Amino acid sequence: MRFRSDIALKIKGASGQATLEAAFMIPVLLTLILLLGQPAIIFYDLIVMNSASSEACRLASEPGSQKNADIENLIRRRLSAVPQADLFHIHEGGCTWQIKISGRGSSKVEVSISNKLKAVPLIDVALRAFGGATRNGVIEISATSKQVVQPDWVGKK
């Protein structure tokens, strides 16, 4: 019986230590989750933007393809997968998607998409210090796709 009472005393004395450790670890873990969330958001945006720009590039390189306005509408539909939250895409003062289609009718087509998003509060301080964000904590990201419509050797005599 004495053995059980010793274990109970040890467990009772250790309960305060676990609470203290949790009080220190929970803010650290939440900060780490917050810091890992911003790169994940930027990576998601870049994946969607790269996919939309490469699909538009393939469409623009086809002879007799649609007009630039139709291709831009296709891109905007693909970009609607990005949530309209400031962490993913700033949308309140007007859409910040910048779409450029160039080279239609030539041997190389290029489609570029740029976006602005708001940085998480802890990260925006670091980015502003190193010049990666504007004063308001806005980050600009872009994706570009290029495609050769016809190789240079085609049509040469």
N, C-alpha and C. Protein backbone atom coordinates (compact mmCIF):
# COMPACT_ATOMS: atom_id res chain seq x y z
N MET A 1 0.80 -1.19 0.00
CA MET A 1 0.00 0.00 0.00
C MET A 1 0.85 1.26 0.00
N ARG A 2 1.95 1.19 0.65
CA ARG A 2 2.78 2.37 0.73
C ARG A 2 3.27 2.80 -0.65
N PHE A 3 3.50 1.86 -1.52
CA PHE A 3 3.96 2.16 -2.87
C PHE A 3 2.98 3.05 -3.61
N ARG A 4 1.70 2.78 -3.50
CA ARG A 4 0.68 3.58 -4.17
C ARG A 4 0.62 5.00 -3.62
N SER A 5 0.77 5.19 -2.36
CA SER A 5 0.72 6.53 -1.80
C SER A 5 1.91 7.37 -2.25
N ASP A 6 3.08 6.76 -2.47
CA ASP A 6 4.23 7.50 -2.98
C ASP A 6 3.99 7.98 -4.40
N ILE A 7 3.38 7.15 -5.21
CA ILE A 7 3.08 7.53 -6.60
C ILE A 7 2.08 8.68 -6.61
N ALA A 8 1.07 8.61 -5.76
CA ALA A 8 0.06 9.67 -5.71
C ALA A 8 0.69 10.99 -5.30
N LEU A 9 1.62 10.96 -4.39
CA LEU A 9 2.29 12.19 -3.97
C LEU A 9 3.14 12.77 -5.09
N LYS A 10 3.81 11.91 -5.84
CA LYS A 10 4.64 12.41 -6.95
C LYS A 10 3.77 13.02 -8.04
N ILE A 11 2.67 12.41 -8.34
CA ILE A 11 1.79 12.94 -9.38
C ILE A 11 1.17 14.26 -8.94
N LYS A 12 0.77 14.36 -7.68
CA LYS A 12 0.20 15.61 -7.18
C LYS A 12 1.19 16.76 -7.27
N GLY A 13 2.43 16.54 -6.94
CA GLY A 13 3.43 17.60 -6.95
C GLY A 13 3.82 18.03 -8.35
N ALA A 14 3.66 17.18 -9.34
CA ALA A 14 4.09 17.49 -10.70
C ALA A 14 3.03 18.24 -11.49
N SER A 15 1.80 18.34 -11.04
CA SER A 15 0.74 18.95 -11.83
C SER A 15 0.97 20.44 -12.05
N GLY A 16 1.53 21.15 -11.12
CA GLY A 16 1.81 22.57 -11.28
C GLY A 16 2.88 22.83 -12.32
N GLN A 17 3.83 21.93 -12.44
CA GLN A 17 4.91 22.09 -13.40
C GLN A 17 4.37 21.98 -14.83
N ALA A 18 3.46 21.07 -15.08
CA ALA A 18 2.89 20.91 -16.42
C ALA A 18 2.11 22.15 -16.83
N THR A 19 1.40 22.75 -15.90
CA THR A 19 0.66 23.97 -16.20
C THR A 19 1.60 25.11 -16.55
N LEU A 20 2.67 25.21 -15.84
CA LEU A 20 3.66 26.26 -16.11
C LEU A 20 4.33 26.06 -17.46
N GLU A 21 4.67 24.82 -17.77
CA GLU A 21 5.27 24.53 -19.07
C GLU A 21 4.30 24.83 -20.21
N ALA A 22 3.04 24.49 -20.02
CA ALA A 22 2.04 24.78 -21.05
C ALA A 22 1.87 26.28 -21.24
N ALA A 23 1.94 27.04 -20.15
CA ALA A 23 1.79 28.49 -20.24
C ALA A 23 2.92 29.11 -21.06
N PHE A 24 4.09 28.51 -21.03
CA PHE A 24 5.20 29.02 -21.85
C PHE A 24 5.16 28.49 -23.28
N MET A 25 4.71 27.26 -23.47
CA MET A 25 4.78 26.62 -24.79
C MET A 25 3.64 27.02 -25.72
N ILE A 26 2.45 27.27 -25.20
CA ILE A 26 1.32 27.58 -26.07
C ILE A 26 1.57 28.84 -26.89
N PRO A 27 2.03 29.97 -26.34
CA PRO A 27 2.32 31.13 -27.19
C PRO A 27 3.42 30.87 -28.22
N VAL A 28 4.40 30.08 -27.85
CA VAL A 28 5.48 29.76 -28.79
C VAL A 28 4.93 28.94 -29.96
N LEU A 29 4.10 27.95 -29.67
CA LEU A 29 3.53 27.12 -30.73
C LEU A 29 2.60 27.92 -31.63
N LEU A 30 1.79 28.78 -31.05
CA LEU A 30 0.89 29.61 -31.87
C LEU A 30 1.67 30.57 -32.75
N THR A 31 2.76 31.11 -32.25
CA THR A 31 3.61 31.99 -33.06
C THR A 31 4.23 31.23 -34.22
N LEU A 32 4.70 30.01 -33.97
CA LEU A 32 5.27 29.20 -35.04
C LEU A 32 4.23 28.85 -36.11
N ILE A 33 3.03 28.53 -35.68
CA ILE A 33 1.96 28.24 -36.64
C ILE A 33 1.67 29.47 -37.49
N LEU A 34 1.63 30.63 -36.85
CA LEU A 34 1.38 31.89 -37.57
C LEU A 34 2.50 32.17 -38.58
N LEU A 35 3.74 31.95 -38.17
CA LEU A 35 4.87 32.21 -39.06
C LEU A 35 4.92 31.22 -40.22
N LEU A 36 4.46 30.01 -40.04
CA LEU A 36 4.43 29.03 -41.13
C LEU A 36 3.22 29.22 -42.04
N GLY A 37 2.21 29.92 -41.56
CA GLY A 37 1.01 30.13 -42.37
C GLY A 37 1.23 31.07 -43.53
N GLN A 38 1.99 32.14 -43.35
CA GLN A 38 2.20 33.11 -44.43
C GLN A 38 2.91 32.51 -45.64
N PRO A 39 4.01 31.77 -45.47
CA PRO A 39 4.62 31.14 -46.65
C PRO A 39 3.68 30.17 -47.35
N ALA A 40 2.84 29.48 -46.59
CA ALA A 40 1.88 28.56 -47.20
C ALA A 40 0.86 29.32 -48.04
N ILE A 41 0.42 30.46 -47.55
CA ILE A 41 -0.54 31.29 -48.31
C ILE A 41 0.10 31.80 -49.60
N ILE A 42 1.33 32.29 -49.50
CA ILE A 42 2.02 32.80 -50.70
C ILE A 42 2.24 31.67 -51.70
N PHE A 43 2.61 30.50 -51.21
CA PHE A 43 2.83 29.35 -52.08
C PHE A 43 1.54 28.94 -52.78
N TYR A 44 0.42 28.95 -52.08
CA TYR A 44 -0.88 28.63 -52.69
C TYR A 44 -1.21 29.64 -53.78
N ASP A 45 -1.04 30.93 -53.49
CA ASP A 45 -1.30 31.96 -54.51
C ASP A 45 -0.44 31.74 -55.75
N LEU A 46 0.84 31.44 -55.54
CA LEU A 46 1.74 31.24 -56.69
C LEU A 46 1.34 30.02 -57.51
N ILE A 47 0.89 28.96 -56.86
CA ILE A 47 0.45 27.77 -57.59
C ILE A 47 -0.74 28.10 -58.49
N VAL A 48 -1.73 28.80 -57.95
CA VAL A 48 -2.92 29.17 -58.72
C VAL A 48 -2.54 30.11 -59.86
N MET A 49 -1.66 31.09 -59.57
CA MET A 49 -1.25 32.04 -60.59
C MET A 49 -0.45 31.37 -61.70
N ASN A 50 0.46 30.47 -61.36
CA ASN A 50 1.24 29.75 -62.38
C ASN A 50 0.35 28.89 -63.25
N SER A 51 -0.61 28.22 -62.65
CA SER A 51 -1.53 27.39 -63.41
C SER A 51 -2.36 28.22 -64.38
N ALA A 52 -2.88 29.35 -63.90
CA ALA A 52 -3.69 30.21 -64.76
C ALA A 52 -2.86 30.82 -65.88
N SER A 53 -1.63 31.24 -65.59
CA SER A 53 -0.80 31.86 -66.63
C SER A 53 -0.36 30.84 -67.67
N SER A 54 -0.05 29.62 -67.26
CA SER A 54 0.37 28.62 -68.26
C SER A 54 -0.80 28.19 -69.13
N GLU A 55 -2.00 28.07 -68.55
CA GLU A 55 -3.17 27.72 -69.36
C GLU A 55 -3.50 28.84 -70.35
N ALA A 56 -3.41 30.09 -69.91
CA ALA A 56 -3.67 31.22 -70.80
C ALA A 56 -2.60 31.32 -71.87
N CYS A 57 -1.36 30.98 -71.53
CA CYS A 57 -0.27 31.03 -72.50
C CYS A 57 -0.51 29.99 -73.61
N ARG A 58 -0.94 28.80 -73.23
CA ARG A 58 -1.24 27.78 -74.24
C ARG A 58 -2.39 28.23 -75.13
N LEU A 59 -3.41 28.85 -74.53
CA LEU A 59 -4.55 29.30 -75.30
C LEU A 59 -4.17 30.45 -76.23
N ALA A 60 -3.35 31.38 -75.76
CA ALA A 60 -2.96 32.53 -76.58
C ALA A 60 -2.01 32.14 -77.71
N SER A 61 -1.30 31.01 -77.55
CA SER A 61 -0.34 30.61 -78.59
C SER A 61 -1.00 29.88 -79.76
N GLU A 62 -2.23 29.46 -79.60
CA GLU A 62 -2.91 28.77 -80.70
C GLU A 62 -3.30 29.75 -81.79
N PRO A 63 -3.08 29.38 -83.04
CA PRO A 63 -3.49 30.29 -84.12
C PRO A 63 -5.01 30.40 -84.17
N GLY A 64 -5.50 31.61 -84.35
CA GLY A 64 -6.93 31.84 -84.41
C GLY A 64 -7.62 31.73 -83.06
N SER A 65 -6.87 31.93 -81.98
CA SER A 65 -7.47 31.83 -80.65
C SER A 65 -8.29 33.08 -80.33
N GLN A 66 -8.91 33.07 -79.19
CA GLN A 66 -9.78 34.17 -78.78
C GLN A 66 -9.03 35.49 -78.62
N LYS A 67 -9.81 36.54 -78.36
CA LYS A 67 -9.24 37.86 -78.14
C LYS A 67 -8.60 37.91 -76.76
N ASN A 68 -7.78 38.94 -76.53
CA ASN A 68 -7.14 39.12 -75.23
C ASN A 68 -8.16 39.25 -74.10
N ALA A 69 -9.29 39.91 -74.35
CA ALA A 69 -10.32 40.09 -73.32
C ALA A 69 -10.89 38.74 -72.90
N ASP A 70 -11.09 37.85 -73.86
CA ASP A 70 -11.61 36.52 -73.53
C ASP A 70 -10.59 35.71 -72.72
N ILE A 71 -9.32 35.84 -73.08
CA ILE A 71 -8.28 35.13 -72.34
C ILE A 71 -8.15 35.69 -70.92
N GLU A 72 -8.27 37.02 -70.78
CA GLU A 72 -8.24 37.62 -69.44
C GLU A 72 -9.41 37.15 -68.58
N ASN A 73 -10.58 37.00 -69.20
CA ASN A 73 -11.74 36.47 -68.46
C ASN A 73 -11.48 35.05 -67.99
N LEU A 74 -10.84 34.24 -68.84
CA LEU A 74 -10.49 32.88 -68.44
C LEU A 74 -9.53 32.90 -67.25
N ILE A 75 -8.54 33.79 -67.32
CA ILE A 75 -7.57 33.90 -66.22
C ILE A 75 -8.27 34.31 -64.93
N ARG A 76 -9.16 35.29 -65.01
CA ARG A 76 -9.86 35.76 -63.80
C ARG A 76 -10.75 34.66 -63.21
N ARG A 77 -11.33 33.83 -64.07
CA ARG A 77 -12.11 32.70 -63.54
C ARG A 77 -11.22 31.72 -62.81
N ARG A 78 -10.03 31.46 -63.35
CA ARG A 78 -9.09 30.55 -62.68
C ARG A 78 -8.58 31.15 -61.36
N LEU A 79 -8.38 32.47 -61.36
CA LEU A 79 -7.88 33.14 -60.17
C LEU A 79 -8.95 33.29 -59.08
N SER A 80 -10.19 33.00 -59.41
CA SER A 80 -11.25 33.08 -58.39
C SER A 80 -11.08 31.98 -57.34
N ALA A 81 -10.16 31.03 -57.54
CA ALA A 81 -9.86 30.02 -56.53
C ALA A 81 -9.13 30.61 -55.34
N VAL A 82 -8.57 31.80 -55.51
CA VAL A 82 -7.88 32.49 -54.41
C VAL A 82 -8.93 33.25 -53.61
N PRO A 83 -9.03 33.00 -52.30
CA PRO A 83 -10.04 33.70 -51.49
C PRO A 83 -9.84 35.22 -51.50
N GLN A 84 -10.95 35.94 -51.41
CA GLN A 84 -10.87 37.40 -51.41
C GLN A 84 -10.68 37.92 -49.99
N ALA A 85 -9.66 37.44 -49.35
CA ALA A 85 -9.25 37.91 -48.03
C ALA A 85 -7.90 38.60 -48.21
N ASP A 86 -7.63 39.62 -47.41
CA ASP A 86 -6.41 40.39 -47.57
C ASP A 86 -5.15 39.55 -47.42
N LEU A 87 -5.21 38.46 -46.67
CA LEU A 87 -4.04 37.59 -46.53
C LEU A 87 -3.73 36.85 -47.83
N PHE A 88 -4.74 36.64 -48.68
CA PHE A 88 -4.56 35.94 -49.95
C PHE A 88 -4.53 36.89 -51.14
N HIS A 89 -5.39 37.93 -51.10
CA HIS A 89 -5.56 38.80 -52.26
C HIS A 89 -6.30 40.06 -51.81
N ILE A 90 -5.68 41.22 -51.99
CA ILE A 90 -6.33 42.48 -51.61
C ILE A 90 -7.36 42.81 -52.68
N HIS A 91 -8.59 43.03 -52.25
CA HIS A 91 -9.67 43.23 -53.21
C HIS A 91 -10.55 44.44 -52.88
N GLU A 92 -10.31 45.11 -51.74
CA GLU A 92 -11.25 46.13 -51.28
C GLU A 92 -11.25 47.40 -52.11
N GLY A 93 -10.13 47.94 -52.53
CA GLY A 93 -10.09 49.19 -53.30
C GLY A 93 -10.12 48.95 -54.80
N GLY A 94 -10.50 47.80 -55.22
CA GLY A 94 -10.45 47.39 -56.62
C GLY A 94 -9.53 46.18 -56.72
N CYS A 95 -9.74 45.41 -57.71
CA CYS A 95 -8.98 44.16 -57.85
C CYS A 95 -7.50 44.45 -58.12
N THR A 96 -6.61 43.75 -57.43
CA THR A 96 -5.18 43.99 -57.61
C THR A 96 -4.53 43.02 -58.59
N TRP A 97 -5.31 42.17 -59.25
CA TRP A 97 -4.72 41.29 -60.26
C TRP A 97 -4.28 42.13 -61.45
N GLN A 98 -3.03 42.02 -61.83
CA GLN A 98 -2.50 42.69 -63.02
C GLN A 98 -2.16 41.59 -64.03
N ILE A 99 -2.82 41.61 -65.18
CA ILE A 99 -2.64 40.56 -66.19
C ILE A 99 -2.09 41.20 -67.45
N LYS A 100 -0.99 40.63 -67.97
CA LYS A 100 -0.38 41.12 -69.20
C LYS A 100 -0.22 39.96 -70.16
N ILE A 101 -0.72 40.13 -71.37
CA ILE A 101 -0.57 39.13 -72.43
C ILE A 101 0.19 39.79 -73.55
N SER A 102 1.34 39.23 -73.90
CA SER A 102 2.14 39.85 -74.96
C SER A 102 2.64 38.78 -75.93
N GLY A 103 2.93 39.21 -77.14
CA GLY A 103 3.52 38.33 -78.14
C GLY A 103 2.53 37.57 -78.99
N ARG A 104 1.26 37.90 -78.91
CA ARG A 104 0.30 37.19 -79.76
C ARG A 104 0.58 37.53 -81.22
N GLY A 105 0.62 36.53 -82.04
CA GLY A 105 0.93 36.72 -83.45
C GLY A 105 2.41 36.63 -83.75
N SER A 106 3.26 36.54 -82.73
CA SER A 106 4.70 36.38 -82.95
C SER A 106 5.10 34.95 -82.60
N SER A 107 6.39 34.69 -82.58
CA SER A 107 6.85 33.32 -82.33
C SER A 107 6.88 32.96 -80.84
N LYS A 108 6.77 33.96 -79.95
CA LYS A 108 6.79 33.70 -78.51
C LYS A 108 5.65 34.45 -77.83
N VAL A 109 4.92 33.74 -76.98
CA VAL A 109 3.81 34.32 -76.23
C VAL A 109 4.20 34.34 -74.75
N GLU A 110 3.86 35.43 -74.07
CA GLU A 110 4.16 35.55 -72.65
C GLU A 110 2.93 36.07 -71.92
N VAL A 111 2.59 35.41 -70.81
CA VAL A 111 1.49 35.82 -69.96
C VAL A 111 2.05 36.00 -68.55
N SER A 112 1.84 37.19 -67.97
CA SER A 112 2.30 37.42 -66.60
C SER A 112 1.14 37.92 -65.75
N ILE A 113 1.11 37.44 -64.52
CA ILE A 113 0.07 37.80 -63.56
C ILE A 113 0.76 38.26 -62.29
N SER A 114 0.34 39.40 -61.75
CA SER A 114 0.88 39.85 -60.47
C SER A 114 -0.27 40.11 -59.50
N ASN A 115 0.05 40.03 -58.23
CA ASN A 115 -0.96 40.11 -57.18
C ASN A 115 -0.37 40.83 -55.97
N LYS A 116 -1.24 41.41 -55.16
CA LYS A 116 -0.83 42.03 -53.90
C LYS A 116 -1.59 41.36 -52.78
N LEU A 117 -0.87 41.09 -51.68
CA LEU A 117 -1.51 40.51 -50.50
C LEU A 117 -0.94 41.14 -49.25
N LYS A 118 -1.69 41.05 -48.18
CA LYS A 118 -1.30 41.66 -46.90
C LYS A 118 -0.56 40.64 -46.05
N ALA A 119 0.57 41.04 -45.50
CA ALA A 119 1.37 40.14 -44.68
C ALA A 119 0.78 40.02 -43.28
N VAL A 120 1.03 38.88 -42.67
CA VAL A 120 0.63 38.64 -41.28
C VAL A 120 1.40 39.62 -40.40
N PRO A 121 0.78 40.12 -39.32
CA PRO A 121 1.43 41.18 -38.51
C PRO A 121 2.86 40.91 -38.08
N LEU A 122 3.21 39.74 -37.66
CA LEU A 122 4.60 39.49 -37.26
C LEU A 122 5.56 39.50 -38.46
N ILE A 123 5.09 39.00 -39.57
CA ILE A 123 5.96 38.90 -40.74
C ILE A 123 6.11 40.25 -41.43
N ASP A 124 5.07 41.10 -41.40
CA ASP A 124 5.18 42.37 -42.11
C ASP A 124 6.25 43.28 -41.51
N VAL A 125 6.48 43.18 -40.21
CA VAL A 125 7.55 43.97 -39.59
C VAL A 125 8.90 43.54 -40.14
N ALA A 126 9.13 42.24 -40.22
CA ALA A 126 10.40 41.73 -40.75
C ALA A 126 10.55 42.06 -42.23
N LEU A 127 9.49 41.92 -43.00
CA LEU A 127 9.56 42.21 -44.43
C LEU A 127 9.81 43.69 -44.69
N ARG A 128 9.17 44.55 -43.92
CA ARG A 128 9.41 45.99 -44.09
C ARG A 128 10.84 46.35 -43.73
N ALA A 129 11.40 45.69 -42.74
CA ALA A 129 12.77 45.97 -42.33
C ALA A 129 13.77 45.60 -43.43
N PHE A 130 13.48 44.53 -44.18
CA PHE A 130 14.39 44.08 -45.23
C PHE A 130 13.94 44.49 -46.63
N GLY A 131 12.90 45.31 -46.74
CA GLY A 131 12.47 45.82 -48.03
C GLY A 131 11.62 44.86 -48.83
N GLY A 132 11.04 43.86 -48.22
CA GLY A 132 10.22 42.89 -48.95
C GLY A 132 8.76 43.27 -49.03
N ALA A 133 8.35 44.31 -48.30
CA ALA A 133 6.95 44.74 -48.29
C ALA A 133 6.91 46.27 -48.24
N THR A 134 5.76 46.83 -48.60
CA THR A 134 5.58 48.28 -48.55
C THR A 134 5.33 48.71 -47.12
N ARG A 135 5.14 50.02 -46.91
CA ARG A 135 4.89 50.55 -45.56
C ARG A 135 3.66 49.93 -44.92
N ASN A 136 2.67 49.60 -45.72
CA ASN A 136 1.42 49.04 -45.20
C ASN A 136 1.49 47.53 -44.99
N GLY A 137 2.63 46.92 -45.25
CA GLY A 137 2.76 45.48 -45.11
C GLY A 137 2.22 44.70 -46.29
N VAL A 138 2.19 45.32 -47.47
CA VAL A 138 1.68 44.68 -48.68
C VAL A 138 2.83 44.01 -49.42
N ILE A 139 2.61 42.75 -49.79
CA ILE A 139 3.59 41.97 -50.54
C ILE A 139 3.11 41.86 -51.99
N GLU A 140 4.02 42.00 -52.93
CA GLU A 140 3.69 41.82 -54.34
C GLU A 140 4.34 40.54 -54.84
N ILE A 141 3.53 39.67 -55.47
CA ILE A 141 4.04 38.42 -56.04
C ILE A 141 3.61 38.36 -57.50
N SER A 142 4.36 37.60 -58.32
CA SER A 142 4.02 37.50 -59.74
C SER A 142 4.39 36.13 -60.28
N ALA A 143 3.72 35.77 -61.35
CA ALA A 143 3.98 34.51 -62.06
C ALA A 143 3.97 34.81 -63.55
N THR A 144 4.93 34.23 -64.27
CA THR A 144 5.05 34.45 -65.71
C THR A 144 5.21 33.12 -66.42
N SER A 145 4.51 32.98 -67.55
CA SER A 145 4.66 31.79 -68.39
C SER A 145 5.00 32.24 -69.79
N LYS A 146 5.93 31.53 -70.41
CA LYS A 146 6.34 31.83 -71.78
C LYS A 146 6.20 30.56 -72.60
N GLN A 147 5.83 30.73 -73.85
CA GLN A 147 5.70 29.58 -74.72
C GLN A 147 6.12 29.97 -76.13
N VAL A 148 6.91 29.09 -76.73
CA VAL A 148 7.33 29.29 -78.10
C VAL A 148 6.23 28.74 -79.01
N VAL A 149 5.66 29.61 -79.84
CA VAL A 149 4.58 29.20 -80.73
C VAL A 149 5.13 28.37 -81.87
N GLN A 150 6.21 28.85 -82.43
CA GLN A 150 6.81 28.16 -83.55
C GLN A 150 8.33 28.29 -83.42
N PRO A 151 9.04 27.19 -83.49
CA PRO A 151 10.50 27.27 -83.37
C PRO A 151 11.10 28.13 -84.49
N ASP A 152 12.30 28.66 -84.23
CA ASP A 152 12.96 29.55 -85.20
C ASP A 152 13.29 28.85 -86.51
N TRP A 153 13.53 27.54 -86.45
CA TRP A 153 13.97 26.84 -87.66
C TRP A 153 12.81 26.58 -88.62
N VAL A 154 11.57 26.70 -88.16
CA VAL A 154 10.41 26.46 -89.04
C VAL A 154 10.26 27.65 -89.98
N GLY A 155 10.11 27.38 -91.23
CA GLY A 155 9.91 28.42 -92.21
C GLY A 155 11.17 28.98 -92.82
N LYS A 156 12.34 28.54 -92.35
CA LYS A 156 13.61 29.00 -92.93
C LYS A 156 13.94 28.14 -94.15
N LYS A 157 14.55 28.77 -95.12
CA LYS A 157 14.94 28.05 -96.34
C LYS A 157 16.42 27.88 -96.40
